[in-house]
Amino acid sequence: GCEMGVSGYADDYTTFYFAGSIIAAEHLDDFFTGLSVGFRINARSRISPFVGLGAFAGYSESTVGAANDGIDNDGDSYVDEYGEEKTYVDNALATIYPEVGINIFLTELMSVIFATKYHFTTEGKAFDFRMFNFGIAVVL
């Protein structure tokens, strides 16, 4: 998976984040796009361990043939062309995850993050999974 978002300090020890996220897990048999939000409690030092809690909500899409549905699915003003396809949402996923990691500041404005998250999913215990993360953070 990957994330791209924004974060900020609520105080000297608490960070909040909001990110666009992509999760792909073999046992989920899908590719989910969505949003993550969370917070971390950290040491606020150059090498800063942290613990946190977050949530993810997303969906996956599938593409099917649409040559006989009476709709212009590709927006080219022609209805029911040979090979025309349509995309639909085929699954949704929500997770809650604790996380633990370390944030290493390279400069005052840039750091690298190493973390692990354990996702408890809406799909049931058999679909829960651990994710290892590497990130680069830039303070704007």
C-alpha atoms as a PDB file:
ATOM      1  CA  GLY A   1       0.000   0.000   0.000  1.00  0.00           C
ATOM      2  CA  CYS A   2       0.898   3.650  -0.084  1.00  0.00           C
ATOM      3  CA  GLU A   3      -0.303   6.927   1.360  1.00  0.00           C
ATOM      4  CA  MET A   4       0.077  10.573   0.508  1.00  0.00           C
ATOM      5  CA  GLY A   5      -1.319  13.210   2.791  1.00  0.00           C
ATOM      6  CA  VAL A   6      -0.821  15.907   5.349  1.00  0.00           C
ATOM      7  CA  SER A   7      -0.024  15.868   9.033  1.00  0.00           C
ATOM      8  CA  GLY A   8       0.509  18.346  11.793  1.00  0.00           C
ATOM      9  CA  TYR A   9       1.286  18.624  15.466  1.00  0.00           C
ATOM     10  CA  ALA A  10      -1.628  19.223  17.830  1.00  0.00           C
ATOM     11  CA  ASP A  11       0.904  19.763  20.628  1.00  0.00           C
ATOM     12  CA  ASP A  12       4.514  18.780  21.339  1.00  0.00           C
ATOM     13  CA  TYR A  13       3.638  15.069  21.556  1.00  0.00           C
ATOM     14  CA  THR A  14       0.606  14.457  19.321  1.00  0.00           C
ATOM     15  CA  THR A  15       0.511  14.283  15.524  1.00  0.00           C
ATOM     16  CA  PHE A  16      -2.659  14.020  13.437  1.00  0.00           C
ATOM     17  CA  TYR A  17      -2.679  12.891   9.797  1.00  0.00           C
ATOM     18  CA  PHE A  18      -5.070  12.643   6.868  1.00  0.00           C
ATOM     19  CA  ALA A  19      -4.058  10.803   3.693  1.00  0.00           C
ATOM     20  CA  GLY A  20      -5.246   9.377   0.428  1.00  0.00           C
ATOM     21  CA  SER A  21      -4.428   5.655   0.614  1.00  0.00           C
ATOM     22  CA  ILE A  22      -4.113   2.591  -1.575  1.00  0.00           C
ATOM     23  CA  ILE A  23      -4.175  -0.882  -0.053  1.00  0.00           C
ATOM     24  CA  ALA A  24      -3.471  -4.043  -2.020  1.00  0.00           C
ATOM     25  CA  ALA A  25      -3.356  -7.289  -0.096  1.00  0.00           C
ATOM     26  CA  GLU A  26      -3.178 -10.743  -1.649  1.00  0.00           C
ATOM     27  CA  HIS A  27      -5.653 -12.322   0.760  1.00  0.00           C
ATOM     28  CA  LEU A  28      -8.169  -9.479   0.237  1.00  0.00           C
ATOM     29  CA  ASP A  29      -8.080 -10.276  -3.500  1.00  0.00           C
ATOM     30  CA  ASP A  30      -8.656  -6.611  -4.352  1.00  0.00           C
ATOM     31  CA  PHE A  31      -7.069  -3.195  -4.704  1.00  0.00           C
ATOM     32  CA  PHE A  32      -8.679  -0.590  -2.424  1.00  0.00           C
ATOM     33  CA  THR A  33      -8.524   3.193  -2.799  1.00  0.00           C
ATOM     34  CA  GLY A  34      -9.646   5.387   0.068  1.00  0.00           C
ATOM     35  CA  LEU A  35      -8.790   7.701   2.955  1.00  0.00           C
ATOM     36  CA  SER A  36      -6.800   7.196   6.159  1.00  0.00           C
ATOM     37  CA  VAL A  37      -6.944   9.320   9.293  1.00  0.00           C
ATOM     38  CA  GLY A  38      -5.138   8.887  12.572  1.00  0.00           C
ATOM     39  CA  PHE A  39      -3.041  10.253  15.353  1.00  0.00           C
ATOM     40  CA  ARG A  40       0.342   9.422  16.849  1.00  0.00           C
ATOM     41  CA  ILE A  41       1.828  10.076  20.254  1.00  0.00           C
ATOM     42  CA  ASN A  42       5.576  10.624  19.911  1.00  0.00           C
ATOM     43  CA  ALA A  43       8.664  11.725  21.771  1.00  0.00           C
ATOM     44  CA  ARG A  44       9.238  14.849  19.605  1.00  0.00           C
ATOM     45  CA  SER A  45      12.982  14.370  19.421  1.00  0.00           C
ATOM     46  CA  ARG A  46      15.380  13.890  16.501  1.00  0.00           C
ATOM     47  CA  ILE A  47      14.836  10.116  16.754  1.00  0.00           C
ATOM     48  CA  SER A  48      11.211   9.885  17.829  1.00  0.00           C
ATOM     49  CA  PRO A  49       9.465   6.567  18.550  1.00  0.00           C
ATOM     50  CA  PHE A  50       5.659   6.691  18.359  1.00  0.00           C
ATOM     51  CA  VAL A  51       2.453   4.740  18.901  1.00  0.00           C
ATOM     52  CA  GLY A  52      -0.769   5.598  17.161  1.00  0.00           C
ATOM     53  CA  LEU A  53      -4.274   4.681  16.125  1.00  0.00           C
ATOM     54  CA  GLY A  54      -5.838   5.125  12.711  1.00  0.00           C
ATOM     55  CA  ALA A  55      -8.665   4.166  10.405  1.00  0.00           C
ATOM     56  CA  PHE A  56      -9.004   3.461   6.687  1.00  0.00           C
ATOM     57  CA  ALA A  57     -12.148   3.492   4.541  1.00  0.00           C
ATOM     58  CA  GLY A  58     -12.042   2.606   0.869  1.00  0.00           C
ATOM     59  CA  TYR A  59     -13.500   0.786  -2.085  1.00  0.00           C
ATOM     60  CA  SER A  60     -12.445  -1.362  -5.027  1.00  0.00           C
ATOM     61  CA  GLU A  61     -13.679  -1.270  -8.610  1.00  0.00           C
ATOM     62  CA  SER A  62     -14.177  -3.810 -11.365  1.00  0.00           C
ATOM     63  CA  THR A  63     -14.601  -3.405 -15.089  1.00  0.00           C
ATOM     64  CA  VAL A  64     -17.134  -5.396 -17.116  1.00  0.00           C
ATOM     65  CA  GLY A  65     -18.224  -5.463 -20.732  1.00  0.00           C
ATOM     66  CA  ALA A  66     -20.989  -2.962 -21.524  1.00  0.00           C
ATOM     67  CA  ALA A  67     -21.584  -3.418 -25.240  1.00  0.00           C
ATOM     68  CA  ASN A  68     -25.290  -4.186 -24.740  1.00  0.00           C
ATOM     69  CA  ASP A  69     -26.498  -1.977 -21.888  1.00  0.00           C
ATOM     70  CA  GLY A  70     -28.008   0.907 -23.902  1.00  0.00           C
ATOM     71  CA  ILE A  71     -25.659   3.501 -22.342  1.00  0.00           C
ATOM     72  CA  ASP A  72     -22.711   5.499 -23.706  1.00  0.00           C
ATOM     73  CA  ASN A  73     -20.244   4.352 -21.030  1.00  0.00           C
ATOM     74  CA  ASP A  74     -17.089   5.876 -22.512  1.00  0.00           C
ATOM     75  CA  GLY A  75     -18.516   9.331 -23.313  1.00  0.00           C
ATOM     76  CA  ASP A  76     -17.809   9.292 -27.046  1.00  0.00           C
ATOM     77  CA  SER A  77     -21.470   9.807 -28.127  1.00  0.00           C
ATOM     78  CA  TYR A  78     -21.821   6.199 -29.359  1.00  0.00           C
ATOM     79  CA  VAL A  79     -24.001   3.714 -27.498  1.00  0.00           C
ATOM     80  CA  ASP A  80     -23.133   0.020 -27.160  1.00  0.00           C
ATOM     81  CA  GLU A  81     -19.901  -0.085 -29.151  1.00  0.00           C
ATOM     82  CA  TYR A  82     -17.992  -3.330 -29.487  1.00  0.00           C
ATOM     83  CA  GLY A  83     -15.529  -3.576 -26.574  1.00  0.00           C
ATOM     84  CA  GLU A  84     -17.194  -0.837 -24.533  1.00  0.00           C
ATOM     85  CA  GLU A  85     -16.704  -1.309 -20.792  1.00  0.00           C
ATOM     86  CA  LYS A  86     -18.042   0.179 -17.587  1.00  0.00           C
ATOM     87  CA  THR A  87     -16.551   0.404 -14.119  1.00  0.00           C
ATOM     88  CA  TYR A  88     -18.486  -0.200 -10.931  1.00  0.00           C
ATOM     89  CA  VAL A  89     -17.730  -0.350  -7.212  1.00  0.00           C
ATOM     90  CA  ASP A  90     -17.582  -4.032  -6.296  1.00  0.00           C
ATOM     91  CA  ASN A  91     -16.368  -3.995  -2.686  1.00  0.00           C
ATOM     92  CA  ALA A  92     -15.853  -1.705   0.291  1.00  0.00           C
ATOM     93  CA  LEU A  93     -13.381  -2.049   3.141  1.00  0.00           C
ATOM     94  CA  ALA A  94     -12.965  -0.301   6.477  1.00  0.00           C
ATOM     95  CA  THR A  95     -10.176  -0.941   8.968  1.00  0.00           C
ATOM     96  CA  ILE A  96      -9.043   0.287  12.345  1.00  0.00           C
ATOM     97  CA  TYR A  97      -5.364  -0.077  13.108  1.00  0.00           C
ATOM     98  CA  PRO A  98      -2.924   0.453  15.938  1.00  0.00           C
ATOM     99  CA  GLU A  99       0.555   1.404  14.779  1.00  0.00           C
ATOM    100  CA  VAL A 100       4.029   1.631  16.206  1.00  0.00           C
ATOM    101  CA  GLY A 101       7.122   3.103  14.612  1.00  0.00           C
ATOM    102  CA  ILE A 102       9.966   5.550  14.613  1.00  0.00           C
ATOM    103  CA  ASN A 103      10.303   8.961  12.986  1.00  0.00           C
ATOM    104  CA  ILE A 104      13.913   9.993  12.263  1.00  0.00           C
ATOM    105  CA  PHE A 105      14.405  13.681  11.498  1.00  0.00           C
ATOM    106  CA  LEU A 106      17.157  14.219   8.904  1.00  0.00           C
ATOM    107  CA  THR A 107      16.706  18.004   9.138  1.00  0.00           C
ATOM    108  CA  GLU A 108      14.209  20.235  10.936  1.00  0.00           C
ATOM    109  CA  LEU A 109      11.945  20.000   7.891  1.00  0.00           C
ATOM    110  CA  MET A 110      12.389  16.411   6.663  1.00  0.00           C
ATOM    111  CA  SER A 111      12.146  12.987   8.263  1.00  0.00           C
ATOM    112  CA  VAL A 112      11.890   9.311   7.391  1.00  0.00           C
ATOM    113  CA  ILE A 113       9.288   7.106   9.037  1.00  0.00           C
ATOM    114  CA  PHE A 114       9.427   3.361   9.646  1.00  0.00           C
ATOM    115  CA  ALA A 115       6.261   1.805  11.081  1.00  0.00           C
ATOM    116  CA  THR A 116       4.014  -1.214  11.229  1.00  0.00           C
ATOM    117  CA  LYS A 117       0.224  -1.205  11.355  1.00  0.00           C
ATOM    118  CA  TYR A 118      -2.136  -4.071  12.114  1.00  0.00           C
ATOM    119  CA  HIS A 119      -5.430  -3.630  10.239  1.00  0.00           C
ATOM    120  CA  PHE A 120      -8.592  -5.051  11.819  1.00  0.00           C
ATOM    121  CA  THR A 121     -10.972  -5.249   8.833  1.00  0.00           C
ATOM    122  CA  THR A 122     -14.713  -5.287   8.266  1.00  0.00           C
ATOM    123  CA  GLU A 123     -14.173  -8.497   6.281  1.00  0.00           C
ATOM    124  CA  GLY A 124     -13.573 -10.578   9.418  1.00  0.00           C
ATOM    125  CA  LYS A 125     -10.582 -11.900  11.347  1.00  0.00           C
ATOM    126  CA  ALA A 126      -9.377 -14.085   8.458  1.00  0.00           C
ATOM    127  CA  PHE A 127      -8.798 -10.881   6.447  1.00  0.00           C
ATOM    128  CA  ASP A 128      -6.971  -8.847   9.120  1.00  0.00           C
ATOM    129  CA  PHE A 129      -3.411  -8.023   8.064  1.00  0.00           C
ATOM    130  CA  ARG A 130      -0.146  -6.374   9.079  1.00  0.00           C
ATOM    131  CA  MET A 131       1.392  -3.678   6.924  1.00  0.00           C
ATOM    132  CA  PHE A 132       4.976  -2.416   7.103  1.00  0.00           C
ATOM    133  CA  ASN A 133       5.493   1.215   6.148  1.00  0.00           C
ATOM    134  CA  PHE A 134       8.332   3.414   5.011  1.00  0.00           C
ATOM    135  CA  GLY A 135       7.681   7.095   4.483  1.00  0.00           C
ATOM    136  CA  ILE A 136       9.284  10.430   3.846  1.00  0.00           C
ATOM    137  CA  ALA A 137       7.746  13.460   5.542  1.00  0.00           C
ATOM    138  CA  VAL A 138       8.380  17.069   4.606  1.00  0.00           C
ATOM    139  CA  VAL A 139       7.207  19.910   6.841  1.00  0.00           C
ATOM    140  CA  LEU A 140       5.707  22.720   4.771  1.00  0.00           C
END
